[in-house]
PDB file of N, CA and C in Angstrom:
ATOM      1  N   MET A   1      87.598  96.314  77.506  1.00  0.00           N
ATOM      2  CA  MET A   1      87.736  96.003  78.922  1.00  0.00           C
ATOM      3  C   MET A   1      86.394  95.467  79.408  1.00  0.00           C
ATOM      4  N   GLY A   2      86.452  94.360  80.117  1.00  0.00           N
ATOM      5  CA  GLY A   2      85.234  93.742  80.601  1.00  0.00           C
ATOM      6  C   GLY A   2      84.617  94.507  81.754  1.00  0.00           C
ATOM      7  N   MET A   3      83.359  94.204  81.982  1.00  0.00           N
ATOM      8  CA  MET A   3      82.633  94.880  83.053  1.00  0.00           C
ATOM      9  C   MET A   3      83.251  94.572  84.418  1.00  0.00           C
ATOM     10  N   VAL A   4      83.720  93.354  84.601  1.00  0.00           N
ATOM     11  CA  VAL A   4      84.330  92.972  85.879  1.00  0.00           C
ATOM     12  C   VAL A   4      85.603  93.780  86.114  1.00  0.00           C
ATOM     13  N   GLN A   5      86.415  93.948  85.073  1.00  0.00           N
ATOM     14  CA  GLN A   5      87.648  94.728  85.207  1.00  0.00           C
ATOM     15  C   GLN A   5      87.338  96.188  85.535  1.00  0.00           C
ATOM     16  N   GLU A   6      86.328  96.748  84.867  1.00  0.00           N
ATOM     17  CA  GLU A   6      85.934  98.129  85.154  1.00  0.00           C
ATOM     18  C   GLU A   6      85.450  98.265  86.589  1.00  0.00           C
ATOM     19  N   PHE A   7      84.677  97.278  87.046  1.00  0.00           N
ATOM     20  CA  PHE A   7      84.179  97.321  88.422  1.00  0.00           C
ATOM     21  C   PHE A   7      85.337  97.255  89.410  1.00  0.00           C
ATOM     22  N   LYS A   8      86.333  96.403  89.137  1.00  0.00           N
ATOM     23  CA  LYS A   8      87.510  96.309  90.010  1.00  0.00           C
ATOM     24  C   LYS A   8      88.225  97.653  90.095  1.00  0.00           C
ATOM     25  N   LYS A   9      88.428  98.298  88.943  1.00  0.00           N
ATOM     26  CA  LYS A   9      89.108  99.590  88.941  1.00  0.00           C
ATOM     27  C   LYS A   9      88.307 100.627  89.720  1.00  0.00           C
ATOM     28  N   PHE A  10      86.987 100.616  89.547  1.00  0.00           N
ATOM     29  CA  PHE A  10      86.136 101.565  90.262  1.00  0.00           C
ATOM     30  C   PHE A  10      86.209 101.341  91.763  1.00  0.00           C
ATOM     31  N   VAL A  11      86.087 100.103  92.186  1.00  0.00           N
ATOM     32  CA  VAL A  11      86.068  99.790  93.614  1.00  0.00           C
ATOM     33  C   VAL A  11      87.418 100.070  94.258  1.00  0.00           C
ATOM     34  N   LEU A  12      88.495  99.832  93.544  1.00  0.00           N
ATOM     35  CA  LEU A  12      89.818  99.992  94.131  1.00  0.00           C
ATOM     36  C   LEU A  12      90.379 101.403  93.995  1.00  0.00           C
ATOM     37  N   LYS A  13      89.579 102.345  93.499  1.00  0.00           N
ATOM     38  CA  LYS A  13      90.013 103.740  93.504  1.00  0.00           C
ATOM     39  C   LYS A  13      90.126 104.195  94.942  1.00  0.00           C
ATOM     40  N   GLY A  14      91.068 105.066  95.204  1.00  0.00           N
ATOM     41  CA  GLY A  14      91.307 105.530  96.568  1.00  0.00           C
ATOM     42  C   GLY A  14      90.088 106.146  97.229  1.00  0.00           C
ATOM     43  N   ASN A  15      89.356 106.999  96.524  1.00  0.00           N
ATOM     44  CA  ASN A  15      88.222 107.686  97.140  1.00  0.00           C
ATOM     45  C   ASN A  15      87.113 106.727  97.522  1.00  0.00           C
ATOM     46  N   VAL A  16      86.831 105.766  96.681  1.00  0.00           N
ATOM     47  CA  VAL A  16      85.761 104.811  96.972  1.00  0.00           C
ATOM     48  C   VAL A  16      86.142 103.953  98.174  1.00  0.00           C
ATOM     49  N   VAL A  17      87.376 103.505  98.210  1.00  0.00           N
ATOM     50  CA  VAL A  17      87.839 102.679  99.326  1.00  0.00           C
ATOM     51  C   VAL A  17      87.810 103.479 100.620  1.00  0.00           C
ATOM     52  N   ASP A  18      88.249 104.730 100.576  1.00  0.00           N
ATOM     53  CA  ASP A  18      88.242 105.569 101.776  1.00  0.00           C
ATOM     54  C   ASP A  18      86.827 105.786 102.290  1.00  0.00           C
ATOM     55  N   LEU A  19      85.902 106.062 101.385  1.00  0.00           N
ATOM     56  CA  LEU A  19      84.512 106.277 101.792  1.00  0.00           C
ATOM     57  C   LEU A  19      83.915 105.008 102.385  1.00  0.00           C
ATOM     58  N   ALA A  20      84.133 103.894 101.734  1.00  0.00           N
ATOM     59  CA  ALA A  20      83.601 102.626 102.243  1.00  0.00           C
ATOM     60  C   ALA A  20      84.208 102.284 103.595  1.00  0.00           C
ATOM     61  N   THR A  21      85.488 102.560 103.746  1.00  0.00           N
ATOM     62  CA  THR A  21      86.152 102.305 105.022  1.00  0.00           C
ATOM     63  C   THR A  21      85.517 103.120 106.131  1.00  0.00           C
ATOM     64  N   GLY A  22      85.261 104.377 105.877  1.00  0.00           N
ATOM     65  CA  GLY A  22      84.637 105.231 106.890  1.00  0.00           C
ATOM     66  C   GLY A  22      83.259 104.755 107.286  1.00  0.00           C
ATOM     67  N   VAL A  23      82.471 104.348 106.308  1.00  0.00           N
ATOM     68  CA  VAL A  23      81.115 103.866 106.598  1.00  0.00           C
ATOM     69  C   VAL A  23      81.168 102.578 107.407  1.00  0.00           C
ATOM     70  N   ILE A  24      82.031 101.665 107.008  1.00  0.00           N
ATOM     71  CA  ILE A  24      82.145 100.388 107.722  1.00  0.00           C
ATOM     72  C   ILE A  24      82.573 100.610 109.159  1.00  0.00           C
ATOM     73  N   ILE A  25      83.575 101.427 109.340  1.00  0.00           N
ATOM     74  CA  ILE A  25      84.072 101.661 110.692  1.00  0.00           C
ATOM     75  C   ILE A  25      83.030 102.355 111.538  1.00  0.00           C
ATOM     76  N   GLY A  26      82.389 103.339 110.993  1.00  0.00           N
ATOM     77  CA  GLY A  26      81.366 104.045 111.762  1.00  0.00           C
ATOM     78  C   GLY A  26      80.243 103.134 112.200  1.00  0.00           C
ATOM     79  N   ALA A  27      79.846 102.222 111.333  1.00  0.00           N
ATOM     80  CA  ALA A  27      78.709 101.351 111.643  1.00  0.00           C
ATOM     81  C   ALA A  27      79.103 100.141 112.488  1.00  0.00           C
ATOM     82  N   ALA A  28      80.162  99.477 112.102  1.00  0.00           N
ATOM     83  CA  ALA A  28      80.481  98.195 112.730  1.00  0.00           C
ATOM     84  C   ALA A  28      81.326  98.308 113.992  1.00  0.00           C
ATOM     85  N   PHE A  29      82.353  99.118 113.960  1.00  0.00           N
ATOM     86  CA  PHE A  29      83.278  99.159 115.081  1.00  0.00           C
ATOM     87  C   PHE A  29      82.948 100.218 116.120  1.00  0.00           C
ATOM     88  N   GLY A  30      82.099 101.152 115.772  1.00  0.00           N
ATOM     89  CA  GLY A  30      81.791 102.235 116.704  1.00  0.00           C
ATOM     90  C   GLY A  30      81.258 101.754 118.033  1.00  0.00           C
ATOM     91  N   LYS A  31      80.297 100.854 117.990  1.00  0.00           N
ATOM     92  CA  LYS A  31      79.698 100.347 119.231  1.00  0.00           C
ATOM     93  C   LYS A  31      80.687  99.508 120.036  1.00  0.00           C
ATOM     94  N   ILE A  32      81.496  98.732 119.355  1.00  0.00           N
ATOM     95  CA  ILE A  32      82.480  97.902 120.059  1.00  0.00           C
ATOM     96  C   ILE A  32      83.493  98.781 120.784  1.00  0.00           C
ATOM     97  N   VAL A  33      83.981  99.778 120.096  1.00  0.00           N
ATOM     98  CA  VAL A  33      84.960 100.667 120.710  1.00  0.00           C
ATOM     99  C   VAL A  33      84.330 101.463 121.845  1.00  0.00           C
ATOM    100  N   GLU A  34      83.087 101.888 121.667  1.00  0.00           N
ATOM    101  CA  GLU A  34      82.399 102.625 122.730  1.00  0.00           C
ATOM    102  C   GLU A  34      82.251 101.755 123.978  1.00  0.00           C
ATOM    103  N   ALA A  35      81.889 100.499 123.793  1.00  0.00           N
ATOM    104  CA  ALA A  35      81.756  99.590 124.930  1.00  0.00           C
ATOM    105  C   ALA A  35      83.109  99.365 125.608  1.00  0.00           C
ATOM    106  N   PHE A  36      84.160  99.231 124.819  1.00  0.00           N
ATOM    107  CA  PHE A  36      85.502  99.064 125.378  1.00  0.00           C
ATOM    108  C   PHE A  36      85.904 100.291 126.196  1.00  0.00           C
ATOM    109  N   ALA A  37      85.616 101.455 125.642  1.00  0.00           N
ATOM    110  CA  ALA A  37      85.984 102.685 126.352  1.00  0.00           C
ATOM    111  C   ALA A  37      85.186 102.833 127.644  1.00  0.00           C
ATOM    112  N   LYS A  38      83.895 102.530 127.588  1.00  0.00           N
ATOM    113  CA  LYS A  38      83.064 102.668 128.792  1.00  0.00           C
ATOM    114  C   LYS A  38      83.399 101.596 129.828  1.00  0.00           C
ATOM    115  N   GLY A  39      83.742 100.407 129.382  1.00  0.00           N
ATOM    116  CA  GLY A  39      83.997  99.316 130.313  1.00  0.00           C
ATOM    117  C   GLY A  39      85.407  99.256 130.855  1.00  0.00           C
ATOM    118  N   ILE A  40      86.382  99.746 130.096  1.00  0.00           N
ATOM    119  CA  ILE A  40      87.778  99.620 130.516  1.00  0.00           C
ATOM    120  C   ILE A  40      88.466 100.981 130.667  1.00  0.00           C
ATOM    121  N   ILE A  41      88.364 101.822 129.660  1.00  0.00           N
ATOM    122  CA  ILE A  41      89.096 103.088 129.676  1.00  0.00           C
ATOM    123  C   ILE A  41      88.558 104.037 130.745  1.00  0.00           C
ATOM    124  N   GLU A  42      87.248 104.219 130.794  1.00  0.00           N
ATOM    125  CA  GLU A  42      86.680 105.145 131.776  1.00  0.00           C
ATOM    126  C   GLU A  42      86.958 104.715 133.216  1.00  0.00           C
ATOM    127  N   PRO A  43      86.835 103.431 133.560  1.00  0.00           N
ATOM    128  CA  PRO A  43      87.227 103.049 134.921  1.00  0.00           C
ATOM    129  C   PRO A  43      88.703 103.327 135.226  1.00  0.00           C
ATOM    130  N   LEU A  44      89.563 103.162 134.233  1.00  0.00           N
ATOM    131  CA  LEU A  44      90.979 103.492 134.444  1.00  0.00           C
ATOM    132  C   LEU A  44      91.162 104.987 134.697  1.00  0.00           C
ATOM    133  N   ILE A  45      90.434 105.794 133.940  1.00  0.00           N
ATOM    134  CA  ILE A  45      90.516 107.243 134.154  1.00  0.00           C
ATOM    135  C   ILE A  45      90.004 107.593 135.548  1.00  0.00           C
ATOM    136  N   LYS A  46      88.906 106.944 135.964  1.00  0.00           N
ATOM    137  CA  LYS A  46      88.379 107.189 137.314  1.00  0.00           C
ATOM    138  C   LYS A  46      89.396 106.769 138.370  1.00  0.00           C
ATOM    139  N   LEU A  47      90.054 105.658 138.128  1.00  0.00           N
ATOM    140  CA  LEU A  47      91.058 105.174 139.074  1.00  0.00           C
ATOM    141  C   LEU A  47      92.222 106.161 139.191  1.00  0.00           C
ATOM    142  N   ILE A  48      92.675 106.667 138.045  1.00  0.00           N
ATOM    143  CA  ILE A  48      93.781 107.625 138.038  1.00  0.00           C
ATOM    144  C   ILE A  48      93.372 108.941 138.699  1.00  0.00           C
ATOM    145  N   SER A  49      92.140 109.376 138.410  1.00  0.00           N
ATOM    146  CA  SER A  49      91.702 110.669 138.951  1.00  0.00           C
ATOM    147  C   SER A  49      91.233 110.566 140.394  1.00  0.00           C
ATOM    148  N   GLY A  50      91.014 109.358 140.886  1.00  0.00           N
ATOM    149  CA  GLY A  50      90.549 109.181 142.257  1.00  0.00           C
ATOM    150  C   GLY A  50      89.065 109.444 142.413  1.00  0.00           C
ATOM    151  N   SER A  51      88.326 109.426 141.321  1.00  0.00           N
ATOM    152  CA  SER A  51      86.893 109.707 141.356  1.00  0.00           C
ATOM    153  C   SER A  51      86.118 108.457 141.754  1.00  0.00           C
ATOM    154  N   THR A  52      85.026 108.647 142.488  1.00  0.00           N
ATOM    155  CA  THR A  52      84.140 107.533 142.840  1.00  0.00           C
ATOM    156  C   THR A  52      82.775 107.704 142.201  1.00  0.00           C
ATOM    157  N   LYS A  53      82.602 108.748 141.421  1.00  0.00           N
ATOM    158  CA  LYS A  53      81.323 109.013 140.757  1.00  0.00           C
ATOM    159  C   LYS A  53      81.136 108.016 139.612  1.00  0.00           C
ATOM    160  N   PRO A  54      79.869 107.735 139.265  1.00  0.00           N
ATOM    161  CA  PRO A  54      79.642 106.785 138.169  1.00  0.00           C
ATOM    162  C   PRO A  54      80.041 107.327 136.804  1.00  0.00           C
ATOM    163  N   ASP A  55      80.080 108.637 136.657  1.00  0.00           N
ATOM    164  CA  ASP A  55      80.490 109.194 135.370  1.00  0.00           C
ATOM    165  C   ASP A  55      81.941 109.651 135.455  1.00  0.00           C
ATOM    166  N   VAL A  56      82.591 109.678 134.315  1.00  0.00           N
ATOM    167  CA  VAL A  56      83.985 110.100 134.278  1.00  0.00           C
ATOM    168  C   VAL A  56      84.008 111.614 134.321  1.00  0.00           C
ATOM    169  N   ALA A  57      84.686 112.161 135.282  1.00  0.00           N
ATOM    170  CA  ALA A  57      84.778 113.610 135.380  1.00  0.00           C
ATOM    171  C   ALA A  57      86.151 113.990 135.887  1.00  0.00           C
ATOM    172  N   MET A  58      86.936 114.511 134.995  1.00  0.00           N
ATOM    173  CA  MET A  58      88.221 115.096 135.371  1.00  0.00           C
ATOM    174  C   MET A  58      88.121 116.554 134.966  1.00  0.00           C
ATOM    175  N   ALA A  59      87.364 117.310 135.731  1.00  0.00           N
ATOM    176  CA  ALA A  59      87.055 118.677 135.351  1.00  0.00           C
ATOM    177  C   ALA A  59      88.195 119.617 135.693  1.00  0.00           C
ATOM    178  N   VAL A  60      88.482 120.468 134.741  1.00  0.00           N
ATOM    179  CA  VAL A  60      89.392 121.584 134.945  1.00  0.00           C
ATOM    180  C   VAL A  60      88.568 122.815 134.610  1.00  0.00           C
ATOM    181  N   GLY A  61      88.042 123.424 135.629  1.00  0.00           N
ATOM    182  CA  GLY A  61      87.105 124.522 135.407  1.00  0.00           C
ATOM    183  C   GLY A  61      85.843 123.957 134.786  1.00  0.00           C
ATOM    184  N   PRO A  62      85.368 124.577 133.717  1.00  0.00           N
ATOM    185  CA  PRO A  62      84.145 124.072 133.069  1.00  0.00           C
ATOM    186  C   PRO A  62      84.405 122.930 132.081  1.00  0.00           C
ATOM    187  N   PHE A  63      85.647 122.543 131.896  1.00  0.00           N
ATOM    188  CA  PHE A  63      86.002 121.541 130.889  1.00  0.00           C
ATOM    189  C   PHE A  63      86.111 120.160 131.518  1.00  0.00           C
ATOM    190  N   ASP A  64      85.526 119.166 130.843  1.00  0.00           N
ATOM    191  CA  ASP A  64      85.569 117.789 131.322  1.00  0.00           C
ATOM    192  C   ASP A  64      86.636 117.033 130.538  1.00  0.00           C
ATOM    193  N   LEU A  65      87.811 116.917 131.096  1.00  0.00           N
ATOM    194  CA  LEU A  65      88.919 116.261 130.410  1.00  0.00           C
ATOM    195  C   LEU A  65      88.722 114.758 130.283  1.00  0.00           C
ATOM    196  N   GLY A  66      87.962 114.151 131.178  1.00  0.00           N
ATOM    197  CA  GLY A  66      87.712 112.717 131.103  1.00  0.00           C
ATOM    198  C   GLY A  66      87.011 112.329 129.817  1.00  0.00           C
ATOM    199  N   LEU A  67      86.021 113.111 129.410  1.00  0.00           N
ATOM    200  CA  LEU A  67      85.317 112.831 128.155  1.00  0.00           C
ATOM    201  C   LEU A  67      86.242 113.011 126.957  1.00  0.00           C
ATOM    202  N   ILE A  68      87.081 114.018 127.015  1.00  0.00           N
ATOM    203  CA  ILE A  68      88.006 114.265 125.908  1.00  0.00           C
ATOM    204  C   ILE A  68      89.025 113.133 125.802  1.00  0.00           C
ATOM    205  N   ILE A  69      89.576 112.725 126.924  1.00  0.00           N
ATOM    206  CA  ILE A  69      90.553 111.627 126.918  1.00  0.00           C
ATOM    207  C   ILE A  69      89.902 110.347 126.402  1.00  0.00           C
ATOM    208  N   SER A  70      88.695 110.076 126.847  1.00  0.00           N
ATOM    209  CA  SER A  70      87.975 108.884 126.392  1.00  0.00           C
ATOM    210  C   SER A  70      87.721 108.942 124.890  1.00  0.00           C
ATOM    211  N   ALA A  71      87.321 110.108 124.378  1.00  0.00           N
ATOM    212  CA  ALA A  71      87.062 110.248 122.942  1.00  0.00           C
ATOM    213  C   ALA A  71      88.343 110.081 122.129  1.00  0.00           C
ATOM    214  N   VAL A  72      89.445 110.612 122.620  1.00  0.00           N
ATOM    215  CA  VAL A  72      90.723 110.475 121.912  1.00  0.00           C
ATOM    216  C   VAL A  72      91.150 109.013 121.868  1.00  0.00           C
ATOM    217  N   ILE A  73      90.995 108.310 122.972  1.00  0.00           N
ATOM    218  CA  ILE A  73      91.352 106.890 122.999  1.00  0.00           C
ATOM    219  C   ILE A  73      90.447 106.097 122.057  1.00  0.00           C
ATOM    220  N   ASN A  74      89.150 106.419 122.044  1.00  0.00           N
ATOM    221  CA  ASN A  74      88.228 105.782 121.086  1.00  0.00           C
ATOM    222  C   ASN A  74      88.726 105.983 119.662  1.00  0.00           C
ATOM    223  N   PHE A  75      89.067 107.216 119.333  1.00  0.00           N
ATOM    224  CA  PHE A  75      89.519 107.533 117.984  1.00  0.00           C
ATOM    225  C   PHE A  75      90.782 106.756 117.626  1.00  0.00           C
ATOM    226  N   LEU A  76      91.735 106.702 118.532  1.00  0.00           N
ATOM    227  CA  LEU A  76      92.986 105.996 118.254  1.00  0.00           C
ATOM    228  C   LEU A  76      92.763 104.501 118.042  1.00  0.00           C
ATOM    229  N   ILE A  77      91.860 103.923 118.813  1.00  0.00           N
ATOM    230  CA  ILE A  77      91.554 102.499 118.639  1.00  0.00           C
ATOM    231  C   ILE A  77      90.924 102.259 117.272  1.00  0.00           C
ATOM    232  N   VAL A  78      89.945 103.085 116.910  1.00  0.00           N
ATOM    233  CA  VAL A  78      89.277 102.934 115.614  1.00  0.00           C
ATOM    234  C   VAL A  78      90.274 103.152 114.483  1.00  0.00           C
ATOM    235  N   ALA A  79      91.110 104.173 114.589  1.00  0.00           N
ATOM    236  CA  ALA A  79      92.088 104.450 113.538  1.00  0.00           C
ATOM    237  C   ALA A  79      93.061 103.289 113.364  1.00  0.00           C
ATOM    238  N   ALA A  80      93.504 102.690 114.457  1.00  0.00           N
ATOM    239  CA  ALA A  80      94.423 101.552 114.364  1.00  0.00           C
ATOM    240  C   ALA A  80      93.749 100.361 113.693  1.00  0.00           C
ATOM    241  N   ILE A  81      92.504 100.090 114.057  1.00  0.00           N
ATOM    242  CA  ILE A  81      91.775  98.977 113.448  1.00  0.00           C
ATOM    243  C   ILE A  81      91.608  99.208 111.957  1.00  0.00           C
ATOM    244  N   VAL A  82      91.194 100.407 111.579  1.00  0.00           N
ATOM    245  CA  VAL A  82      91.002 100.725 110.162  1.00  0.00           C
ATOM    246  C   VAL A  82      92.317 100.584 109.405  1.00  0.00           C
ATOM    247  N   PHE A  83      93.374 101.140 109.955  1.00  0.00           N
ATOM    248  CA  PHE A  83      94.649 101.139 109.249  1.00  0.00           C
ATOM    249  C   PHE A  83      95.179  99.730 109.025  1.00  0.00           C
ATOM    250  N   PHE A  84      95.203  98.927 110.079  1.00  0.00           N
ATOM    251  CA  PHE A  84      95.836  97.618 109.970  1.00  0.00           C
ATOM    252  C   PHE A  84      94.947  96.547 109.339  1.00  0.00           C
ATOM    253  N   LEU A  85      93.642  96.665 109.467  1.00  0.00           N
ATOM    254  CA  LEU A  85      92.767  95.616 108.937  1.00  0.00           C
ATOM    255  C   LEU A  85      92.137  95.960 107.593  1.00  0.00           C
ATOM    256  N   ILE A  86      92.115  97.241 107.218  1.00  0.00           N
ATOM    257  CA  ILE A  86      91.465  97.604 105.961  1.00  0.00           C
ATOM    258  C   ILE A  86      92.417  98.338 105.019  1.00  0.00           C
ATOM    259  N   VAL A  87      93.008  99.436 105.468  1.00  0.00           N
ATOM    260  CA  VAL A  87      93.807 100.276 104.580  1.00  0.00           C
ATOM    261  C   VAL A  87      95.065  99.554 104.094  1.00  0.00           C
ATOM    262  N   LYS A  88      95.826  98.931 104.998  1.00  0.00           N
ATOM    263  CA  LYS A  88      97.050  98.240 104.589  1.00  0.00           C
ATOM    264  C   LYS A  88      96.772  97.129 103.568  1.00  0.00           C
ATOM    265  N   PRO A  89      95.797  96.234 103.809  1.00  0.00           N
ATOM    266  CA  PRO A  89      95.530  95.200 102.796  1.00  0.00           C
ATOM    267  C   PRO A  89      95.058  95.772 101.455  1.00  0.00           C
ATOM    268  N   ILE A  90      94.237  96.814 101.479  1.00  0.00           N
ATOM    269  CA  ILE A  90      93.767  97.416 100.227  1.00  0.00           C
ATOM    270  C   ILE A  90      94.939  98.042  99.475  1.00  0.00           C
ATOM    271  N   ASN A  91      95.812  98.760 100.170  1.00  0.00           N
ATOM    272  CA  ASN A  91      96.980  99.353  99.518  1.00  0.00           C
ATOM    273  C   ASN A  91      97.881  98.281  98.921  1.00  0.00           C
ATOM    274  N   LYS A  92      98.042  97.173  99.619  1.00  0.00           N
ATOM    275  CA  LYS A  92      98.854  96.066  99.103  1.00  0.00           C
ATOM    276  C   LYS A  92      98.225  95.496  97.830  1.00  0.00           C
ATOM    277  N   LEU A  93      96.908  95.320  97.854  1.00  0.00           N
ATOM    278  CA  LEU A  93      96.199  94.811  96.682  1.00  0.00           C
ATOM    279  C   LEU A  93      96.336  95.764  95.502  1.00  0.00           C
ATOM    280  N   ILE A  94      96.197  97.056  95.751  1.00  0.00           N
ATOM    281  CA  ILE A  94      96.324  98.044  94.680  1.00  0.00           C
ATOM    282  C   ILE A  94      97.735  98.023  94.101  1.00  0.00           C
ATOM    283  N   SER A  95      98.758  97.953  94.956  1.00  0.00           N
ATOM    284  CA  SER A  95     100.134  97.931  94.447  1.00  0.00           C
ATOM    285  C   SER A  95     100.410  96.657  93.648  1.00  0.00           C
ATOM    286  N   LEU A  96      99.846  95.530  94.070  1.00  0.00           N
ATOM    287  CA  LEU A  96     100.014  94.292  93.301  1.00  0.00           C
ATOM    288  C   LEU A  96      99.350  94.402  91.939  1.00  0.00           C
ATOM    289  N   MET A  97      98.163  95.002  91.890  1.00  0.00           N
ATOM    290  CA  MET A  97      97.469  95.168  90.609  1.00  0.00           C
ATOM    291  C   MET A  97      98.233  96.118  89.695  1.00  0.00           C
ATOM    292  N   GLN A  98      98.786  97.201  90.259  1.00  0.00           N
ATOM    293  CA  GLN A  98      99.556  98.139  89.445  1.00  0.00           C
ATOM    294  C   GLN A  98     100.833  97.493  88.934  1.00  0.00           C
ATOM    295  N   ALA A  99     101.474  96.676  89.748  1.00  0.00           N
ATOM    296  CA  ALA A  99     102.684  95.980  89.310  1.00  0.00           C
ATOM    297  C   ALA A  99     102.359  94.991  88.198  1.00  0.00           C
ATOM    298  N   LYS A 100     101.214  94.339  88.313  1.00  0.00           N
ATOM    299  CA  LYS A 100     100.794  93.383  87.286  1.00  0.00           C
ATOM    300  C   LYS A 100     100.539  94.106  85.968  1.00  0.00           C
ATOM    301  N   GLU A 101      99.891  95.283  86.041  1.00  0.00           N
ATOM    302  CA  GLU A 101      99.623  96.054  84.828  1.00  0.00           C
ATOM    303  C   GLU A 101     100.918  96.570  84.210  1.00  0.00           C
ATOM    304  N   ALA A 102     101.873  96.988  85.051  1.00  0.00           N
ATOM    305  CA  ALA A 102     103.139  97.507  84.538  1.00  0.00           C
ATOM    306  C   ALA A 102     103.978  96.397  83.914  1.00  0.00           C
ATOM    307  N   ALA A 103     103.878  95.182  84.437  1.00  0.00           N
ATOM    308  CA  ALA A 103     104.673  94.067  83.938  1.00  0.00           C
ATOM    309  C   ALA A 103     104.108  93.476  82.647  1.00  0.00           C
ATOM    310  N   ALA A 104     102.869  93.765  82.332  1.00  0.00           N
ATOM    311  CA  ALA A 104     102.251  93.216  81.125  1.00  0.00           C
ATOM    312  C   ALA A 104     102.943  93.806  79.893  1.00  0.00           C
ATOM    313  N   PRO A 105     103.227  92.954  78.896  1.00  0.00           N
ATOM    314  CA  PRO A 105     103.877  93.467  77.691  1.00  0.00           C
ATOM    315  C   PRO A 105     102.915  94.385  76.936  1.00  0.00           C
ATOM    316  N   PRO A 106     103.468  95.348  76.228  1.00  0.00           N
ATOM    317  CA  PRO A 106     102.588  96.240  75.471  1.00  0.00           C
ATOM    318  C   PRO A 106     101.863  95.447  74.387  1.00  0.00           C
ATOM    319  N   PRO A 107     100.645  95.813  74.099  1.00  0.00           N
ATOM    320  CA  PRO A 107      99.891  95.068  73.086  1.00  0.00           C
ATOM    321  C   PRO A 107     100.517  95.259  71.706  1.00  0.00           C
ATOM    322  N   GLY A 108     100.377  94.234  70.885  1.00  0.00           N
ATOM    323  CA  GLY A 108     100.911  94.297  69.529  1.00  0.00           C
ATOM    324  C   GLY A 108     100.075  95.235  68.671  1.00  0.00           C
ATOM    325  N   PRO A 109     100.516  95.441  67.446  1.00  0.00           N
ATOM    326  CA  PRO A 109      99.762  96.346  66.572  1.00  0.00           C
ATOM    327  C   PRO A 109      98.391  95.763  66.234  1.00  0.00           C
ATOM    328  N   THR A 110      97.450  96.659  66.066  1.00  0.00           N
ATOM    329  CA  THR A 110      96.091  96.240  65.710  1.00  0.00           C
ATOM    330  C   THR A 110      96.072  95.843  64.237  1.00  0.00           C
ATOM    331  N   PRO A 111      95.041  95.125  63.813  1.00  0.00           N
ATOM    332  CA  PRO A 111      94.960  94.760  62.386  1.00  0.00           C
ATOM    333  C   PRO A 111      94.972  95.985  61.468  1.00  0.00           C
ATOM    334  N   THR A 112      94.382  97.070  61.906  1.00  0.00           N
ATOM    335  CA  THR A 112      94.380  98.295  61.098  1.00  0.00           C
ATOM    336  C   THR A 112      95.796  98.835  60.954  1.00  0.00           C
ATOM    337  N   GLU A 113      96.559  98.817  62.039  1.00  0.00           N
ATOM    338  CA  GLU A 113      97.941  99.300  61.985  1.00  0.00           C
ATOM    339  C   GLU A 113      98.791  98.419  61.075  1.00  0.00           C
ATOM    340  N   VAL A 114      98.576  97.112  61.133  1.00  0.00           N
ATOM    341  CA  VAL A 114      99.320  96.187  60.262  1.00  0.00           C
ATOM    342  C   VAL A 114      99.006  96.489  58.801  1.00  0.00           C
ATOM    343  N   LEU A 115      97.732  96.690  58.488  1.00  0.00           N
ATOM    344  CA  LEU A 115      97.317  96.984  57.116  1.00  0.00           C
ATOM    345  C   LEU A 115      97.923  98.303  56.642  1.00  0.00           C
ATOM    346  N   LEU A 116      97.878  99.332  57.495  1.00  0.00           N
ATOM    347  CA  LEU A 116      98.447 100.624  57.113  1.00  0.00           C
ATOM    348  C   LEU A 116      99.955 100.528  56.903  1.00  0.00           C
ATOM    349  N   THR A 117     100.624  99.723  57.710  1.00  0.00           N
ATOM    350  CA  THR A 117     102.069  99.533  57.545  1.00  0.00           C
ATOM    351  C   THR A 117     102.365  98.855  56.213  1.00  0.00           C
ATOM    352  N   GLU A 118     101.566  97.861  55.862  1.00  0.00           N
ATOM    353  CA  GLU A 118     101.759  97.178  54.573  1.00  0.00           C
ATOM    354  C   GLU A 118     101.522  98.139  53.416  1.00  0.00           C
ATOM    355  N   ILE A 119     100.493  98.966  53.525  1.00  0.00           N
ATOM    356  CA  ILE A 119     100.207  99.942  52.463  1.00  0.00           C
ATOM    357  C   ILE A 119     101.369 100.922  52.341  1.00  0.00           C
ATOM    358  N   ARG A 120     101.885 101.404  53.481  1.00  0.00           N
ATOM    359  CA  ARG A 120     103.014 102.339  53.461  1.00  0.00           C
ATOM    360  C   ARG A 120     104.232 101.698  52.804  1.00  0.00           C
ATOM    361  N   ASP A 121     104.507 100.457  53.188  1.00  0.00           N
ATOM    362  CA  ASP A 121     105.674  99.775  52.623  1.00  0.00           C
ATOM    363  C   ASP A 121     105.519  99.566  51.119  1.00  0.00           C
ATOM    364  N   THR A 122     104.310  99.257  50.676  1.00  0.00           N
ATOM    365  CA  THR A 122     104.046  99.063  49.249  1.00  0.00           C
ATOM    366  C   THR A 122     104.239 100.375  48.496  1.00  0.00           C
ATOM    367  N   LEU A 123     103.731 101.476  49.065  1.00  0.00           N
ATOM    368  CA  LEU A 123     103.889 102.781  48.416  1.00  0.00           C
ATOM    369  C   LEU A 123     105.358 103.197  48.363  1.00  0.00           C
ATOM    370  N   ARG A 124     106.132 102.901  49.410  1.00  0.00           N
ATOM    371  CA  ARG A 124     107.564 103.222  49.405  1.00  0.00           C
ATOM    372  C   ARG A 124     108.297 102.414  48.327  1.00  0.00           C
ATOM    373  N   ALA A 125     107.886 101.154  48.162  1.00  0.00           N
ATOM    374  CA  ALA A 125     108.545 100.299  47.172  1.00  0.00           C
ATOM    375  C   ALA A 125     108.274 100.803  45.750  1.00  0.00           C
ATOM    376  N   LYS A 126     107.087 101.362  45.505  1.00  0.00           N
ATOM    377  CA  LYS A 126     106.741 101.869  44.177  1.00  0.00           C
ATOM    378  C   LYS A 126     107.424 103.202  43.890  1.00  0.00           C
ATOM    379  N   ALA A 127     107.769 103.949  44.917  1.00  0.00           N
ATOM    380  CA  ALA A 127     108.325 105.287  44.703  1.00  0.00           C
ATOM    381  C   ALA A 127     109.766 105.274  44.308  1.00  0.00           C
TER     382      ALA A 127
END
């Protein structure tokens, strides 16, 4: 097996892809989603709650539900982006590679196996 084939198998393992996906999303999309939440989601929450304060505060006792709602929406946006733009295409690629491997005909006998078969047949003929 060539080095390129081994590298493909290593990279397309589920754990490696999952780890890389998490790192990419955390680094690249985190700031975009945070800006979206601060610029669009939080003002909507303020509008719904009737708040005029600059920070989102939908307090129920000591708990700030506005921050929790904003964090949940952030998470859902990131999860949707990861799922549809990274996980689905990778899973499709993996299934195509597995189908290609399954469709490949089994390899023929090795030269050693051919030689051993000839020796066996010769010994059977002498017996």
